[in-house]
Amino acid sequence: MKLITAGDMAALEANAEYLGVSLLQLMECAGKAVADYIEGLKLGRRVAIYAGTGRNGGDGMVAARHLASKGFQVTLILVGGEERIVSPVVQANWKILKSLGESIKILVARDSAQIPMVEADVVVDALLGIGIKGELKPPILQAVQTINRLKGFKVAVDLPTGVDSDSGEILGKAVKADATVTFHKVKAGLAKARRYAGKIHVASIGIPPEAETYAGPGDVGKARRVRPPTAHKGEFGRLLIIGGSATYSGAPALAALAALEVGVDLVYVAAPRDAALAISSYSPNLITFKLEGECLSLKHVRILKTLVERCTALIIGPGLETRRESLKALPRILDMAEAFGKPMLLDADGLKLFAQLGRRAGTACVLTPHRGEFKLLTGVEPSEEPGKLAGKVRDAARRFGATILLKAPVDVISDGDRVKLNRTGGPAMSVGGTGDVLAGVVGGFLAMGVQPFEAAVAGAFINGAAGDLAYKRKGPHLKATDLLQEIPGLIENPMKHAEVLR
């Protein structure tokens, strides 16, 4: 049985919408699937549908219309006033129902006292969907109790109201269904609350396979963090970037600036003194720690230990250079990250040094190789075909105990189990520094507490989409810094990239 969480299901729906399959289309397919299932039961022609004002209720409204067209005697009870319907797709289906008049009997229960007992052969629970959290409140609570008292065969839409879709916890009271028509995949909570779900029927609602295969706005939504009114400095992450050299001061600066655009509270850059002084001049938002000497070495481990302990995630590698002294220092830094339980991202020269160590990550980790670095890391020549490449990336992720984001015309991301592809971005992004921006975006998400695979998928989408939007604005004259200003808007509204897709 393939299970799915509420967050993953919401992400799939957003990705489907991004691909051009509207929420209205998905709702139409869901409601028709419920109607078809009820028709197949052959239990009688009377159907009572208890519908909430959200999207689960909208599924019930579509089911009512299809059942009426099949000749069923349908009564729909809207639990909550119609003024509480805020979703445009639910409003559209409610407007249709109100215009029918004769084929569907509509009752509105604005409060608990108005919820009727409607005897029917089949009783449909379309009150609340997968987004519910916390114990049920009136009038939904009373509607659940009413449904449970009715004698008809009870069908839940997607999952029984009152069952937490992820944990299976009962939220005070829950509908005890005889059958549940769930959409796309079985919700994780259903597997743990079978006595409430009854027989589980999985119905396709037209989510295209590409919504699961490719990164999209739904994946960004999973990574996005909302800052509450009570937030304080540091609560949204402290990122440490270890990198830079006499030659490359821009790389760690780009990563740092990208992380700040993601929303990280504080970014520290530890770099050799001359590079750190240059980085300080790029922006007053950057905090630098000056490391004596020309490159990272063992003598810096003590000060870095304090910084690693203080940060919530770290990036190692942008502009670092592959010096022998740095190779000696890297294992000590990796050990510190593991000891303090800090997630990290290895990129560029940090990745090349890591390849020489022949060790696993040891902590939550993202590796971001391009094709040449992937060969250096694994000894495997990467295929040109994303489908064939996916297996190689998955195997490498298992080997290193990390999430790998292989940068290519179509990016491949895997944590050794899951695989996602990303097709945002284009050839104009082949200029220097865009990989450093990507590292900063993914590292920023890591610092904010996002898990490595989710951070890598969202980061790949945002980085490529930022390049696409910058290309639309400037044409083929991009600089890495052009991507920075696009990042915040894409996090808040990743659907804006859809106009580029089409």
Protein backbone atom coordinates (compact mmCIF):
# COMPACT_ATOMS: atom_id res chain seq x y z
CA MET A 1 0.00 0.00 0.00
CA LYS A 2 1.51 3.32 -1.12
CA LEU A 3 1.00 5.95 1.56
CA ILE A 4 1.18 9.73 1.29
CA THR A 5 1.27 12.55 3.83
CA ALA A 6 -0.98 15.59 3.73
CA GLY A 7 2.02 17.81 2.93
CA ASP A 8 3.10 15.64 0.02
CA MET A 9 -0.46 15.49 -1.33
CA ALA A 10 -0.80 19.27 -1.16
CA ALA A 11 2.54 19.59 -2.96
CA LEU A 12 1.38 17.25 -5.73
CA GLU A 13 -1.79 19.25 -6.25
CA ALA A 14 0.23 22.48 -6.46
CA ASN A 15 2.64 20.88 -8.92
CA ALA A 16 -0.28 19.64 -11.02
CA GLU A 17 -1.73 23.14 -11.11
CA TYR A 18 1.68 24.48 -12.16
CA LEU A 19 1.65 21.99 -15.04
CA GLY A 20 -1.77 23.25 -16.16
CA VAL A 21 -4.16 20.85 -14.42
CA SER A 22 -6.41 23.18 -12.45
CA LEU A 23 -7.75 22.58 -8.95
CA LEU A 24 -11.22 22.76 -10.50
CA GLN A 25 -10.34 19.84 -12.77
CA LEU A 26 -8.94 17.83 -9.84
CA MET A 27 -12.09 18.51 -7.82
CA GLU A 28 -14.29 17.44 -10.73
CA CYS A 29 -12.39 14.16 -11.01
CA ALA A 30 -12.56 13.59 -7.25
CA GLY A 31 -16.28 14.19 -7.00
CA LYS A 32 -17.02 12.00 -10.01
CA ALA A 33 -14.91 9.19 -8.51
CA VAL A 34 -17.05 9.32 -5.35
CA ALA A 35 -20.27 9.27 -7.39
CA ASP A 36 -19.08 6.34 -9.49
CA TYR A 37 -18.15 4.39 -6.36
CA ILE A 38 -21.57 4.99 -4.80
CA GLU A 39 -23.29 3.94 -8.02
CA GLY A 40 -21.32 0.70 -7.97
CA LEU A 41 -22.49 -0.11 -4.44
CA LYS A 42 -26.07 -0.70 -5.68
CA LEU A 43 -27.48 -0.05 -2.20
CA GLY A 44 -30.38 2.21 -3.13
CA ARG A 45 -31.10 5.54 -4.76
CA ARG A 46 -31.24 7.87 -1.74
CA VAL A 47 -28.00 9.71 -0.93
CA ALA A 48 -27.37 12.28 1.81
CA ILE A 49 -24.15 14.30 1.53
CA TYR A 50 -22.91 16.25 4.56
CA ALA A 51 -20.53 18.83 3.06
CA GLY A 52 -18.23 21.32 4.74
CA THR A 53 -17.33 24.71 3.31
CA GLY A 54 -13.80 23.74 2.28
CA ARG A 55 -12.42 21.72 -0.61
CA ASN A 56 -13.56 18.40 0.85
CA GLY A 57 -17.05 19.85 0.78
CA GLY A 58 -16.45 20.91 -2.82
CA ASP A 59 -15.70 17.28 -3.69
CA GLY A 60 -19.05 16.40 -2.12
CA MET A 61 -20.82 19.06 -4.19
CA VAL A 62 -19.39 17.61 -7.40
CA ALA A 63 -20.41 14.12 -6.28
CA ALA A 64 -23.97 15.40 -5.66
CA ARG A 65 -24.20 16.76 -9.19
CA HIS A 66 -22.94 13.55 -10.80
CA LEU A 67 -25.22 11.39 -8.66
CA ALA A 68 -28.20 13.53 -9.61
CA SER A 69 -27.32 13.09 -13.27
CA LYS A 70 -27.38 9.31 -12.70
CA GLY A 71 -30.91 9.52 -11.31
CA PHE A 72 -30.18 9.38 -7.57
CA GLN A 73 -32.30 11.28 -5.04
CA VAL A 74 -29.68 13.56 -3.53
CA THR A 75 -29.84 15.77 -0.45
CA LEU A 76 -26.81 17.95 0.27
CA ILE A 77 -26.45 19.49 3.72
CA LEU A 78 -24.00 22.39 3.80
CA VAL A 79 -22.55 22.51 7.33
CA GLY A 80 -21.68 26.15 7.89
CA GLY A 81 -23.08 29.21 6.14
CA GLU A 82 -22.27 29.75 2.48
CA GLU A 83 -20.49 32.96 3.47
CA ARG A 84 -17.77 30.68 4.90
CA ILE A 85 -16.94 29.29 1.47
CA VAL A 86 -13.69 31.06 0.55
CA SER A 87 -12.08 28.75 -2.01
CA PRO A 88 -12.90 29.91 -5.56
CA VAL A 89 -13.24 26.32 -6.79
CA VAL A 90 -15.69 25.47 -4.02
CA GLN A 91 -17.61 28.69 -4.66
CA ALA A 92 -17.88 27.71 -8.34
CA ASN A 93 -19.37 24.31 -7.51
CA TRP A 94 -21.70 25.73 -4.86
CA LYS A 95 -23.00 28.25 -7.42
CA ILE A 96 -23.75 25.39 -9.81
CA LEU A 97 -25.66 23.46 -7.15
CA LYS A 98 -27.79 26.46 -6.26
CA SER A 99 -28.75 26.89 -9.90
CA LEU A 100 -30.05 23.33 -10.23
CA GLY A 101 -33.00 23.68 -7.87
CA GLU A 102 -34.91 20.50 -8.69
CA SER A 103 -32.47 17.60 -9.01
CA ILE A 104 -30.67 18.20 -5.69
CA LYS A 105 -32.29 19.15 -2.40
CA ILE A 106 -30.08 21.64 -0.54
CA LEU A 107 -30.20 22.26 3.21
CA VAL A 108 -27.95 24.76 5.00
CA ALA A 109 -27.01 24.21 8.66
CA ARG A 110 -25.30 27.35 9.89
CA ASP A 111 -24.94 26.10 13.45
CA SER A 112 -25.13 22.88 15.44
CA ALA A 113 -28.83 23.19 16.18
CA GLN A 114 -29.72 23.18 12.49
CA ILE A 115 -27.98 19.93 11.49
CA PRO A 116 -30.71 17.56 10.28
CA MET A 117 -30.93 13.77 10.44
CA VAL A 118 -31.45 12.80 6.80
CA GLU A 119 -32.16 9.10 6.40
CA ALA A 120 -30.70 7.68 3.20
CA ASP A 121 -29.34 4.47 1.72
CA VAL A 122 -25.88 6.05 1.46
CA VAL A 123 -24.55 8.81 3.73
CA VAL A 124 -21.50 10.74 2.49
CA ASP A 125 -19.01 12.45 4.80
CA ALA A 126 -17.52 15.40 2.89
CA LEU A 127 -17.02 17.63 5.91
CA LEU A 128 -13.26 18.09 6.32
CA GLY A 129 -10.24 16.97 4.31
CA ILE A 130 -6.56 16.31 4.90
CA GLY A 131 -5.68 19.75 6.25
CA ILE A 132 -7.50 19.36 9.58
CA LYS A 133 -5.48 19.80 12.80
CA GLY A 134 -6.76 19.90 16.37
CA GLU A 135 -9.96 18.60 17.90
CA LEU A 136 -13.22 19.06 16.05
CA LYS A 137 -15.34 22.06 16.91
CA PRO A 138 -19.05 22.89 16.39
CA PRO A 139 -20.84 22.61 14.07
CA ILE A 140 -18.57 19.98 12.46
CA LEU A 141 -18.44 17.98 15.69
CA GLN A 142 -22.23 17.71 15.81
CA ALA A 143 -22.34 16.83 12.10
CA VAL A 144 -19.96 13.93 12.75
CA GLN A 145 -22.15 12.71 15.60
CA THR A 146 -25.22 12.96 13.36
CA ILE A 147 -23.59 10.94 10.57
CA ASN A 148 -22.59 8.23 13.03
CA ARG A 149 -26.19 7.92 14.25
CA LEU A 150 -27.62 7.43 10.77
CA LYS A 151 -28.31 3.91 9.52
CA GLY A 152 -27.21 4.31 5.90
CA PHE A 153 -23.96 2.98 4.42
CA LYS A 154 -21.35 5.62 5.22
CA VAL A 155 -18.81 6.73 2.61
CA ALA A 156 -16.00 9.12 3.61
CA VAL A 157 -14.49 11.44 1.01
CA ASP A 158 -10.67 11.13 1.06
CA LEU A 159 -10.65 10.28 4.78
CA PRO A 160 -13.20 10.21 7.60
CA THR A 161 -13.68 13.58 9.26
CA GLY A 162 -11.92 13.58 12.62
CA VAL A 163 -9.02 11.33 11.59
CA ASP A 164 -5.64 13.06 11.39
CA SER A 165 -4.45 12.34 7.86
CA ASP A 166 -0.81 11.76 8.89
CA SER A 167 -0.90 10.23 12.37
CA GLY A 168 -4.28 8.48 12.34
CA GLU A 169 -5.06 10.19 15.66
CA ILE A 170 -8.76 10.65 16.42
CA LEU A 171 -9.43 14.36 16.94
CA GLY A 172 -12.02 14.00 19.67
CA LYS A 173 -14.67 12.34 17.51
CA ALA A 174 -14.52 10.86 14.02
CA VAL A 175 -16.89 9.52 11.40
CA LYS A 176 -16.94 5.74 11.46
CA ALA A 177 -17.17 5.01 7.75
CA ASP A 178 -18.05 1.77 6.04
CA ALA A 179 -15.86 2.79 3.11
CA THR A 180 -13.45 5.60 2.23
CA VAL A 181 -12.83 6.84 -1.29
CA THR A 182 -9.34 8.31 -1.03
CA PHE A 183 -7.60 10.16 -3.83
CA HIS A 184 -4.36 9.34 -5.65
CA LYS A 185 -2.76 7.39 -2.78
CA VAL A 186 -3.78 6.17 0.67
CA LYS A 187 -3.28 8.86 3.31
CA ALA A 188 -0.82 7.73 5.98
CA GLY A 189 -3.37 8.16 8.78
CA LEU A 190 -5.85 5.84 7.11
CA ALA A 191 -3.49 2.91 7.50
CA LYS A 192 -3.46 3.56 11.25
CA ALA A 193 -7.19 4.18 11.64
CA ARG A 194 -8.66 1.33 9.61
CA ARG A 195 -11.58 0.79 11.97
CA TYR A 196 -12.79 4.30 11.08
CA ALA A 197 -11.96 4.11 7.38
CA GLY A 198 -13.72 0.86 6.53
CA LYS A 199 -12.92 -0.50 3.07
CA ILE A 200 -10.42 1.80 1.36
CA HIS A 201 -10.89 2.53 -2.34
CA VAL A 202 -8.12 4.51 -4.09
CA ALA A 203 -9.34 6.70 -6.96
CA SER A 204 -7.23 8.50 -9.56
CA ILE A 205 -8.08 12.18 -9.94
CA GLY A 206 -5.84 13.00 -12.89
CA ILE A 207 -2.64 14.13 -11.16
CA PRO A 208 -0.02 13.74 -13.92
CA PRO A 209 3.08 11.64 -13.22
CA GLU A 210 5.23 14.72 -13.90
CA ALA A 211 3.81 16.33 -10.74
CA GLU A 212 5.66 13.65 -8.76
CA THR A 213 8.69 13.28 -11.00
CA TYR A 214 9.68 16.94 -11.33
CA ALA A 215 10.29 19.66 -8.76
CA GLY A 216 7.58 22.31 -8.69
CA PRO A 217 5.90 25.01 -6.60
CA GLY A 218 4.51 22.38 -4.23
CA ASP A 219 8.05 21.40 -3.27
CA VAL A 220 8.86 25.04 -2.56
CA GLY A 221 5.75 25.24 -0.38
CA LYS A 222 7.01 22.31 1.69
CA ALA A 223 10.31 24.10 2.31
CA ARG A 224 8.91 27.59 2.92
CA ARG A 225 8.91 28.75 6.53
CA VAL A 226 6.43 31.37 7.76
CA ARG A 227 7.78 33.85 10.28
CA PRO A 228 5.34 34.27 13.20
CA PRO A 229 4.75 37.63 14.92
CA THR A 230 6.71 36.37 17.95
CA ALA A 231 9.85 35.49 15.94
CA HIS A 232 13.19 36.64 17.28
CA LYS A 233 16.66 36.97 15.74
CA GLY A 234 18.25 33.61 15.18
CA GLU A 235 15.02 31.62 15.23
CA PHE A 236 15.10 31.35 11.43
CA GLY A 237 18.60 30.02 11.22
CA ARG A 238 22.28 30.87 11.49
CA LEU A 239 24.30 29.68 8.50
CA LEU A 240 28.08 29.29 8.53
CA ILE A 241 29.92 29.32 5.20
CA ILE A 242 33.52 28.10 5.16
CA GLY A 243 35.25 29.00 1.94
CA GLY A 244 37.02 31.68 -0.01
CA SER A 245 40.66 32.20 -0.97
CA ALA A 246 42.92 34.88 -2.35
CA THR A 247 41.56 34.15 -5.81
CA TYR A 248 37.90 33.45 -5.02
CA SER A 249 36.18 35.85 -2.65
CA GLY A 250 32.98 36.14 -4.69
CA ALA A 251 31.86 32.51 -4.36
CA PRO A 252 31.19 32.47 -0.60
CA ALA A 253 29.71 35.97 -0.84
CA LEU A 254 27.19 34.84 -3.47
CA ALA A 255 26.20 31.85 -1.35
CA ALA A 256 25.81 34.09 1.70
CA LEU A 257 23.70 36.68 -0.12
CA ALA A 258 21.47 33.95 -1.57
CA ALA A 259 20.89 32.49 1.89
CA LEU A 260 19.87 35.90 3.20
CA GLU A 261 17.37 36.22 0.33
CA VAL A 262 15.89 32.86 1.42
CA GLY A 263 15.22 34.36 4.84
CA VAL A 264 18.03 33.13 7.11
CA ASP A 265 18.51 35.48 10.06
CA LEU A 266 22.31 35.45 10.23
CA VAL A 267 25.04 34.33 7.84
CA TYR A 268 28.65 33.98 8.95
CA VAL A 269 31.47 33.63 6.41
CA ALA A 270 34.76 32.17 7.64
CA ALA A 271 37.44 32.87 5.04
CA PRO A 272 41.17 33.68 4.79
CA ARG A 273 41.77 37.24 5.95
CA ASP A 274 42.17 38.97 2.58
CA ALA A 275 39.12 37.21 1.15
CA ALA A 276 37.09 37.97 4.30
CA LEU A 277 37.94 41.66 4.07
CA ALA A 278 36.78 41.70 0.43
CA ILE A 279 33.58 39.86 1.35
CA SER A 280 32.85 42.37 4.12
CA SER A 281 32.92 45.14 1.53
CA TYR A 282 30.24 43.48 -0.64
CA SER A 283 27.38 43.98 1.80
CA PRO A 284 26.88 45.24 5.37
CA ASN A 285 24.58 42.24 5.90
CA LEU A 286 27.49 39.80 5.84
CA ILE A 287 29.38 38.84 9.02
CA THR A 288 32.90 37.62 8.35
CA PHE A 289 35.49 35.82 10.45
CA LYS A 290 39.05 36.37 9.31
CA LEU A 291 41.18 33.22 9.21
CA GLU A 292 44.92 33.90 9.35
CA GLY A 293 46.91 32.65 6.39
CA GLU A 294 46.13 32.03 2.74
CA CYS A 295 43.88 28.99 3.08
CA LEU A 296 41.86 26.83 5.47
CA SER A 297 44.13 24.76 7.72
CA LEU A 298 44.25 22.83 10.99
CA LYS A 299 45.13 25.98 12.95
CA HIS A 300 41.61 27.29 12.27
CA VAL A 301 39.81 24.34 13.81
CA ARG A 302 39.50 25.95 17.26
CA ILE A 303 37.71 29.10 16.09
CA LEU A 304 35.62 27.07 13.65
CA LYS A 305 34.48 24.77 16.45
CA THR A 306 32.84 27.76 18.16
CA LEU A 307 31.16 28.80 14.91
CA VAL A 308 29.96 25.28 14.06
CA GLU A 309 28.44 24.97 17.51
CA ARG A 310 26.70 28.34 17.10
CA CYS A 311 25.27 27.81 13.61
CA THR A 312 22.23 25.76 12.59
CA ALA A 313 23.78 24.58 9.31
CA LEU A 314 27.00 25.04 7.37
CA ILE A 315 28.24 25.20 3.78
CA ILE A 316 31.77 24.08 3.03
CA GLY A 317 33.51 24.74 -0.22
CA PRO A 318 32.66 27.85 -2.27
CA GLY A 319 35.98 29.32 -3.43
CA LEU A 320 37.95 27.22 -0.94
CA GLU A 321 40.70 25.89 -3.26
CA THR A 322 41.98 22.33 -2.92
CA ARG A 323 45.10 22.91 -0.82
CA ARG A 324 46.80 20.11 1.12
CA GLU A 325 46.33 22.08 4.35
CA SER A 326 42.58 22.31 3.69
CA LEU A 327 42.38 18.56 3.09
CA LYS A 328 43.87 17.98 6.53
CA ALA A 329 41.38 20.35 8.17
CA LEU A 330 38.24 19.02 6.47
CA PRO A 331 37.89 15.74 8.45
CA ARG A 332 38.04 17.68 11.71
CA ILE A 333 35.29 20.02 10.53
CA LEU A 334 33.16 17.10 9.37
CA ASP A 335 33.63 15.42 12.75
CA MET A 336 32.51 18.61 14.50
CA ALA A 337 29.41 18.87 12.35
CA GLU A 338 28.57 15.26 13.18
CA ALA A 339 29.26 15.73 16.91
CA PHE A 340 27.03 18.82 17.11
CA GLY A 341 24.39 17.33 14.78
CA LYS A 342 24.60 20.19 12.28
CA PRO A 343 23.36 19.66 8.70
CA MET A 344 25.80 20.70 6.01
CA LEU A 345 26.23 21.23 2.30
CA LEU A 346 29.45 20.41 0.45
CA ASP A 347 30.01 22.24 -2.83
CA ALA A 348 32.76 23.03 -5.31
CA ASP A 349 36.25 22.67 -3.77
CA GLY A 350 34.79 21.34 -0.55
CA LEU A 351 33.24 18.55 -2.59
CA LYS A 352 36.53 17.82 -4.36
CA LEU A 353 38.33 17.57 -1.02
CA PHE A 354 35.57 15.36 0.37
CA ALA A 355 36.00 12.99 -2.60
CA GLN A 356 39.61 12.39 -1.51
CA LEU A 357 38.58 11.31 1.99
CA GLY A 358 36.55 8.26 0.93
CA ARG A 359 34.10 8.59 3.82
CA ARG A 360 30.38 8.91 4.43
CA ALA A 361 28.83 12.22 5.42
CA GLY A 362 28.16 11.31 9.07
CA THR A 363 25.42 13.92 9.46
CA ALA A 364 22.49 15.28 7.44
CA CYS A 365 24.20 16.39 4.28
CA VAL A 366 23.68 17.66 0.73
CA LEU A 367 26.33 17.20 -1.95
CA THR A 368 25.99 19.44 -5.03
CA PRO A 369 28.30 18.13 -7.77
CA HIS A 370 28.22 19.06 -11.42
CA ARG A 371 28.83 16.21 -13.87
CA GLY A 372 32.63 16.33 -13.62
CA GLU A 373 32.55 16.43 -9.82
CA PHE A 374 30.11 13.53 -9.78
CA LYS A 375 32.61 11.43 -11.73
CA LEU A 376 35.38 12.51 -9.36
CA LEU A 377 33.21 11.61 -6.39
CA THR A 378 31.94 8.25 -7.62
CA GLY A 379 34.20 7.13 -10.47
CA VAL A 380 31.06 6.85 -12.62
CA GLU A 381 30.67 8.64 -15.94
CA PRO A 382 27.22 10.28 -15.72
CA SER A 383 24.76 9.46 -18.47
CA GLU A 384 23.25 12.18 -20.64
CA GLU A 385 19.75 10.78 -20.06
CA PRO A 386 18.08 11.85 -16.78
CA GLY A 387 16.19 8.55 -16.51
CA LYS A 388 19.38 6.49 -16.62
CA LEU A 389 21.25 8.98 -14.46
CA ALA A 390 18.65 8.77 -11.68
CA GLY A 391 19.72 5.28 -10.68
CA LYS A 392 23.40 6.28 -10.52
CA VAL A 393 22.59 9.29 -8.33
CA ARG A 394 20.41 7.15 -6.04
CA ASP A 395 23.22 4.60 -5.66
CA ALA A 396 25.76 7.33 -4.89
CA ALA A 397 23.45 8.92 -2.31
CA ARG A 398 23.18 5.58 -0.52
CA ARG A 399 26.93 5.10 -0.67
CA PHE A 400 27.72 8.47 0.89
CA GLY A 401 24.76 8.65 3.26
CA ALA A 402 23.75 11.99 1.81
CA THR A 403 21.33 13.77 -0.48
CA ILE A 404 22.95 14.40 -3.86
CA LEU A 405 21.88 17.25 -6.12
CA LEU A 406 23.55 16.61 -9.47
CA LYS A 407 23.63 19.85 -11.44
CA ALA A 408 22.87 19.19 -15.10
CA PRO A 409 20.54 20.46 -17.86
CA VAL A 410 17.95 18.43 -15.94
CA ASP A 411 19.04 18.28 -12.29
CA VAL A 412 18.78 14.95 -10.47
CA ILE A 413 18.17 14.90 -6.71
CA SER A 414 18.15 11.76 -4.55
CA ASP A 415 18.51 10.82 -0.91
CA GLY A 416 19.14 7.17 -1.77
CA ASP A 417 15.44 6.39 -1.71
CA ARG A 418 13.45 9.16 -3.36
CA VAL A 419 14.39 10.75 -6.68
CA LYS A 420 13.26 14.06 -8.15
CA LEU A 421 14.21 15.80 -11.36
CA ASN A 422 14.32 19.54 -11.91
CA ARG A 423 14.03 21.19 -15.29
CA THR A 424 14.01 24.88 -14.37
CA GLY A 425 16.96 26.93 -15.60
CA GLY A 426 18.60 27.21 -18.98
CA PRO A 427 21.91 27.62 -20.83
CA ALA A 428 22.21 31.30 -19.89
CA MET A 429 22.92 30.11 -16.34
CA SER A 430 26.21 28.51 -17.38
CA VAL A 431 28.02 31.66 -16.20
CA GLY A 432 30.17 31.52 -13.08
CA GLY A 433 28.55 31.85 -9.67
CA THR A 434 25.09 30.40 -10.27
CA GLY A 435 26.16 27.20 -8.50
CA ASP A 436 27.20 29.30 -5.49
CA VAL A 437 23.74 30.88 -5.46
CA LEU A 438 22.24 27.38 -5.51
CA ALA A 439 24.42 26.37 -2.56
CA GLY A 440 23.24 29.41 -0.64
CA VAL A 441 19.56 28.70 -1.32
CA VAL A 442 19.81 25.05 -0.27
CA GLY A 443 22.04 25.90 2.69
CA GLY A 444 19.59 28.59 3.73
CA PHE A 445 16.76 26.08 3.84
CA LEU A 446 18.95 23.67 5.83
CA ALA A 447 19.69 26.42 8.35
CA MET A 448 15.95 27.03 8.73
CA GLY A 449 15.37 23.39 9.64
CA VAL A 450 14.27 21.95 6.28
CA GLN A 451 15.30 18.33 5.74
CA PRO A 452 18.12 17.78 3.18
CA PHE A 453 16.08 16.19 0.38
CA GLU A 454 13.29 18.77 0.62
CA ALA A 455 15.85 21.61 0.82
CA ALA A 456 17.70 20.32 -2.26
CA VAL A 457 14.54 19.87 -4.35
CA ALA A 458 13.16 23.30 -3.45
CA GLY A 459 16.57 24.92 -3.92
CA ALA A 460 17.06 23.41 -7.37
CA PHE A 461 13.64 24.65 -8.50
CA ILE A 462 14.13 28.16 -7.10
CA ASN A 463 17.65 28.60 -8.44
CA GLY A 464 16.67 27.53 -11.95
CA ALA A 465 13.43 29.49 -11.88
CA ALA A 466 15.33 32.60 -10.74
CA GLY A 467 17.60 32.17 -13.75
CA ASP A 468 14.61 31.81 -16.06
CA LEU A 469 12.96 34.96 -14.72
CA ALA A 470 16.22 36.90 -14.91
CA TYR A 471 16.67 35.67 -18.51
CA LYS A 472 13.19 36.90 -19.37
CA ARG A 473 14.13 40.28 -17.93
CA LYS A 474 17.65 40.61 -19.36
CA GLY A 475 18.09 38.11 -22.15
CA PRO A 476 21.32 36.09 -22.48
CA HIS A 477 23.45 38.51 -20.47
CA LEU A 478 23.08 37.02 -17.02
CA LYS A 479 25.34 37.40 -14.02
CA ALA A 480 24.96 35.30 -10.90
CA THR A 481 23.90 38.38 -8.95
CA ASP A 482 20.90 38.78 -11.28
CA LEU A 483 19.35 35.69 -9.70
CA LEU A 484 19.37 37.10 -6.17
CA GLN A 485 16.52 39.58 -6.55
CA GLU A 486 14.21 36.85 -7.94
CA ILE A 487 14.58 34.48 -4.97
CA PRO A 488 12.19 36.05 -2.39
CA GLY A 489 9.34 36.43 -4.88
CA LEU A 490 9.69 32.82 -6.01
CA ILE A 491 9.58 31.53 -2.44
CA GLU A 492 6.43 33.51 -1.75
CA ASN A 493 4.82 32.73 -5.12
CA PRO A 494 6.60 29.95 -7.03
CA MET A 495 3.63 29.75 -9.44
CA LYS A 496 4.96 32.90 -11.11
CA HIS A 497 7.39 30.64 -12.97
CA ALA A 498 4.46 28.95 -14.75
CA GLU A 499 4.37 31.73 -17.35
CA VAL A 500 7.95 30.81 -18.28
CA LEU A 501 7.03 27.12 -18.47
CA ARG A 502 4.37 27.89 -21.06
